[in-house]
Amino acid sequence: MVLTVFRSRLRPDVKDYPELATRMSELAKKMPGYISHKGFVAEDGERVTLVEFESEQAQRAWRMHPEHAEAQKLGRQAFYSEFRLQICSVQRETVFPPRAK
């Protein structure tokens, strides 16, 4: 599994971000190899999104999807005051209670 950790802060004047975020969420769910994603907002305004894909190839396909690539460009130009992106390979996973097979 590949985990994407996207940490960001929005610019104070941003208005149209929720619509774009919703569209990207819908699109990601349709990508082959997609597992899940969740977003969190800290009290200080930092946003964290965790995205899981089955493989590096699936994550790369998401990164390069034309509509997502355009959203990334728009994010750098208009939405984010800063961001940090980390792509991580999951070395081990423990689930409790164990999932039925």
C-alpha atoms as a PDB file:
ATOM      1  CA  MET A   1       0.000   0.000   0.000  1.00  0.00           C
ATOM      2  CA  VAL A   2       1.108   3.570  -0.705  1.00  0.00           C
ATOM      3  CA  LEU A   3       0.077   6.396   1.605  1.00  0.00           C
ATOM      4  CA  THR A   4       0.037  10.020   0.517  1.00  0.00           C
ATOM      5  CA  VAL A   5       0.240  12.610   3.302  1.00  0.00           C
ATOM      6  CA  PHE A   6      -0.747  16.069   2.070  1.00  0.00           C
ATOM      7  CA  ARG A   7      -0.340  18.871   4.621  1.00  0.00           C
ATOM      8  CA  SER A   8      -1.438  22.353   3.603  1.00  0.00           C
ATOM      9  CA  ARG A   9      -2.650  25.773   4.615  1.00  0.00           C
ATOM     10  CA  LEU A  10      -5.170  27.721   2.588  1.00  0.00           C
ATOM     11  CA  ARG A  11      -4.713  31.372   1.768  1.00  0.00           C
ATOM     12  CA  PRO A  12      -6.997  33.578   3.892  1.00  0.00           C
ATOM     13  CA  ASP A  13      -9.030  34.839   0.911  1.00  0.00           C
ATOM     14  CA  VAL A  14      -9.867  31.419  -0.615  1.00  0.00           C
ATOM     15  CA  LYS A  15     -13.546  30.913  -1.469  1.00  0.00           C
ATOM     16  CA  ASP A  16     -13.933  28.174  -4.136  1.00  0.00           C
ATOM     17  CA  TYR A  17     -11.786  25.489  -2.526  1.00  0.00           C
ATOM     18  CA  PRO A  18     -14.615  23.280  -1.154  1.00  0.00           C
ATOM     19  CA  GLU A  19     -16.042  22.727  -4.650  1.00  0.00           C
ATOM     20  CA  LEU A  20     -12.658  21.702  -6.045  1.00  0.00           C
ATOM     21  CA  ALA A  21     -11.924  19.461  -3.056  1.00  0.00           C
ATOM     22  CA  THR A  22     -15.278  17.720  -3.484  1.00  0.00           C
ATOM     23  CA  ARG A  23     -14.644  17.154  -7.184  1.00  0.00           C
ATOM     24  CA  MET A  24     -11.153  15.738  -6.501  1.00  0.00           C
ATOM     25  CA  SER A  25     -12.605  13.448  -3.837  1.00  0.00           C
ATOM     26  CA  GLU A  26     -15.185  12.085  -6.284  1.00  0.00           C
ATOM     27  CA  LEU A  27     -12.543  11.607  -8.956  1.00  0.00           C
ATOM     28  CA  ALA A  28     -10.046   9.867  -6.644  1.00  0.00           C
ATOM     29  CA  LYS A  29     -12.677   7.323  -5.584  1.00  0.00           C
ATOM     30  CA  LYS A  30     -13.044   6.243  -9.236  1.00  0.00           C
ATOM     31  CA  MET A  31      -9.318   5.641  -9.777  1.00  0.00           C
ATOM     32  CA  PRO A  32      -8.161   2.016 -10.108  1.00  0.00           C
ATOM     33  CA  GLY A  33      -6.265   1.014  -6.972  1.00  0.00           C
ATOM     34  CA  TYR A  34      -7.895   3.651  -4.762  1.00  0.00           C
ATOM     35  CA  ILE A  35      -8.461   2.462  -1.189  1.00  0.00           C
ATOM     36  CA  SER A  36      -9.516   5.475   0.886  1.00  0.00           C
ATOM     37  CA  HIS A  37      -8.911   9.065   1.878  1.00  0.00           C
ATOM     38  CA  LYS A  38      -9.733  11.328   4.805  1.00  0.00           C
ATOM     39  CA  GLY A  39      -9.120  14.962   5.565  1.00  0.00           C
ATOM     40  CA  PHE A  40      -8.576  16.725   8.877  1.00  0.00           C
ATOM     41  CA  VAL A  41      -8.252  20.373   9.882  1.00  0.00           C
ATOM     42  CA  ALA A  42      -6.238  21.342  12.973  1.00  0.00           C
ATOM     43  CA  GLU A  43      -7.138  24.207  15.281  1.00  0.00           C
ATOM     44  CA  ASP A  44      -4.276  26.260  13.830  1.00  0.00           C
ATOM     45  CA  GLY A  45      -5.690  25.904  10.292  1.00  0.00           C
ATOM     46  CA  GLU A  46      -3.331  23.241   8.997  1.00  0.00           C
ATOM     47  CA  ARG A  47      -5.121  20.729   6.783  1.00  0.00           C
ATOM     48  CA  VAL A  48      -4.018  17.092   6.485  1.00  0.00           C
ATOM     49  CA  THR A  49      -5.307  14.679   3.864  1.00  0.00           C
ATOM     50  CA  LEU A  50      -4.373  10.988   3.944  1.00  0.00           C
ATOM     51  CA  VAL A  51      -4.860   9.019   0.729  1.00  0.00           C
ATOM     52  CA  GLU A  52      -4.329   5.269   0.351  1.00  0.00           C
ATOM     53  CA  PHE A  53      -3.692   3.476  -2.943  1.00  0.00           C
ATOM     54  CA  GLU A  54      -2.933  -0.191  -3.528  1.00  0.00           C
ATOM     55  CA  SER A  55       0.349   0.502  -5.329  1.00  0.00           C
ATOM     56  CA  GLU A  56       2.837   3.131  -6.391  1.00  0.00           C
ATOM     57  CA  GLN A  57       1.550   2.796  -9.964  1.00  0.00           C
ATOM     58  CA  ALA A  58      -2.019   3.523  -8.857  1.00  0.00           C
ATOM     59  CA  GLN A  59      -0.856   6.543  -6.844  1.00  0.00           C
ATOM     60  CA  ARG A  60       1.170   7.791  -9.815  1.00  0.00           C
ATOM     61  CA  ALA A  61      -1.845   7.429 -12.130  1.00  0.00           C
ATOM     62  CA  TRP A  62      -3.836   9.595  -9.704  1.00  0.00           C
ATOM     63  CA  ARG A  63      -1.058  12.187  -9.534  1.00  0.00           C
ATOM     64  CA  MET A  64      -0.911  12.380 -13.323  1.00  0.00           C
ATOM     65  CA  HIS A  65      -4.665  12.327 -14.023  1.00  0.00           C
ATOM     66  CA  PRO A  66      -5.266  15.416 -16.232  1.00  0.00           C
ATOM     67  CA  GLU A  67      -8.022  16.927 -14.068  1.00  0.00           C
ATOM     68  CA  HIS A  68      -6.026  16.308 -10.881  1.00  0.00           C
ATOM     69  CA  ALA A  69      -2.898  17.790 -12.475  1.00  0.00           C
ATOM     70  CA  GLU A  70      -4.889  20.925 -13.331  1.00  0.00           C
ATOM     71  CA  ALA A  71      -6.215  21.101  -9.751  1.00  0.00           C
ATOM     72  CA  GLN A  72      -2.644  20.822  -8.426  1.00  0.00           C
ATOM     73  CA  LYS A  73      -1.601  23.734 -10.627  1.00  0.00           C
ATOM     74  CA  LEU A  74      -4.584  25.796  -9.464  1.00  0.00           C
ATOM     75  CA  GLY A  75      -3.762  24.933  -5.857  1.00  0.00           C
ATOM     76  CA  ARG A  76      -0.238  26.312  -6.192  1.00  0.00           C
ATOM     77  CA  GLN A  77      -1.481  29.441  -7.976  1.00  0.00           C
ATOM     78  CA  ALA A  78      -4.614  30.315  -6.029  1.00  0.00           C
ATOM     79  CA  PHE A  79      -5.427  28.187  -2.981  1.00  0.00           C
ATOM     80  CA  TYR A  80      -2.423  27.214  -0.875  1.00  0.00           C
ATOM     81  CA  SER A  81      -0.164  29.504   1.091  1.00  0.00           C
ATOM     82  CA  GLU A  82       2.019  26.427   1.717  1.00  0.00           C
ATOM     83  CA  PHE A  83       1.944  22.654   1.448  1.00  0.00           C
ATOM     84  CA  ARG A  84       4.027  19.555   2.052  1.00  0.00           C
ATOM     85  CA  LEU A  85       3.510  16.281   0.208  1.00  0.00           C
ATOM     86  CA  GLN A  86       4.908  12.935   1.335  1.00  0.00           C
ATOM     87  CA  ILE A  87       4.516   9.630  -0.512  1.00  0.00           C
ATOM     88  CA  CYS A  88       5.099   6.704   1.853  1.00  0.00           C
ATOM     89  CA  SER A  89       5.264   2.936   1.445  1.00  0.00           C
ATOM     90  CA  VAL A  90       3.489   1.098   4.225  1.00  0.00           C
ATOM     91  CA  GLN A  91       5.944  -1.320   5.821  1.00  0.00           C
ATOM     92  CA  ARG A  92       3.531  -2.993   8.213  1.00  0.00           C
ATOM     93  CA  GLU A  93      -0.119  -2.667   9.122  1.00  0.00           C
ATOM     94  CA  THR A  94      -1.979  -3.923  12.174  1.00  0.00           C
ATOM     95  CA  VAL A  95      -5.767  -3.843  12.275  1.00  0.00           C
ATOM     96  CA  PHE A  96      -7.899  -4.348  15.376  1.00  0.00           C
ATOM     97  CA  PRO A  97     -10.243  -6.034  15.466  1.00  0.00           C
ATOM     98  CA  PRO A  98      -8.923  -8.237  12.653  1.00  0.00           C
ATOM     99  CA  ARG A  99     -10.846  -7.977   9.401  1.00  0.00           C
ATOM    100  CA  ALA A 100     -12.697 -11.042   8.134  1.00  0.00           C
ATOM    101  CA  LYS A 101     -11.150 -12.555   5.037  1.00  0.00           C
END
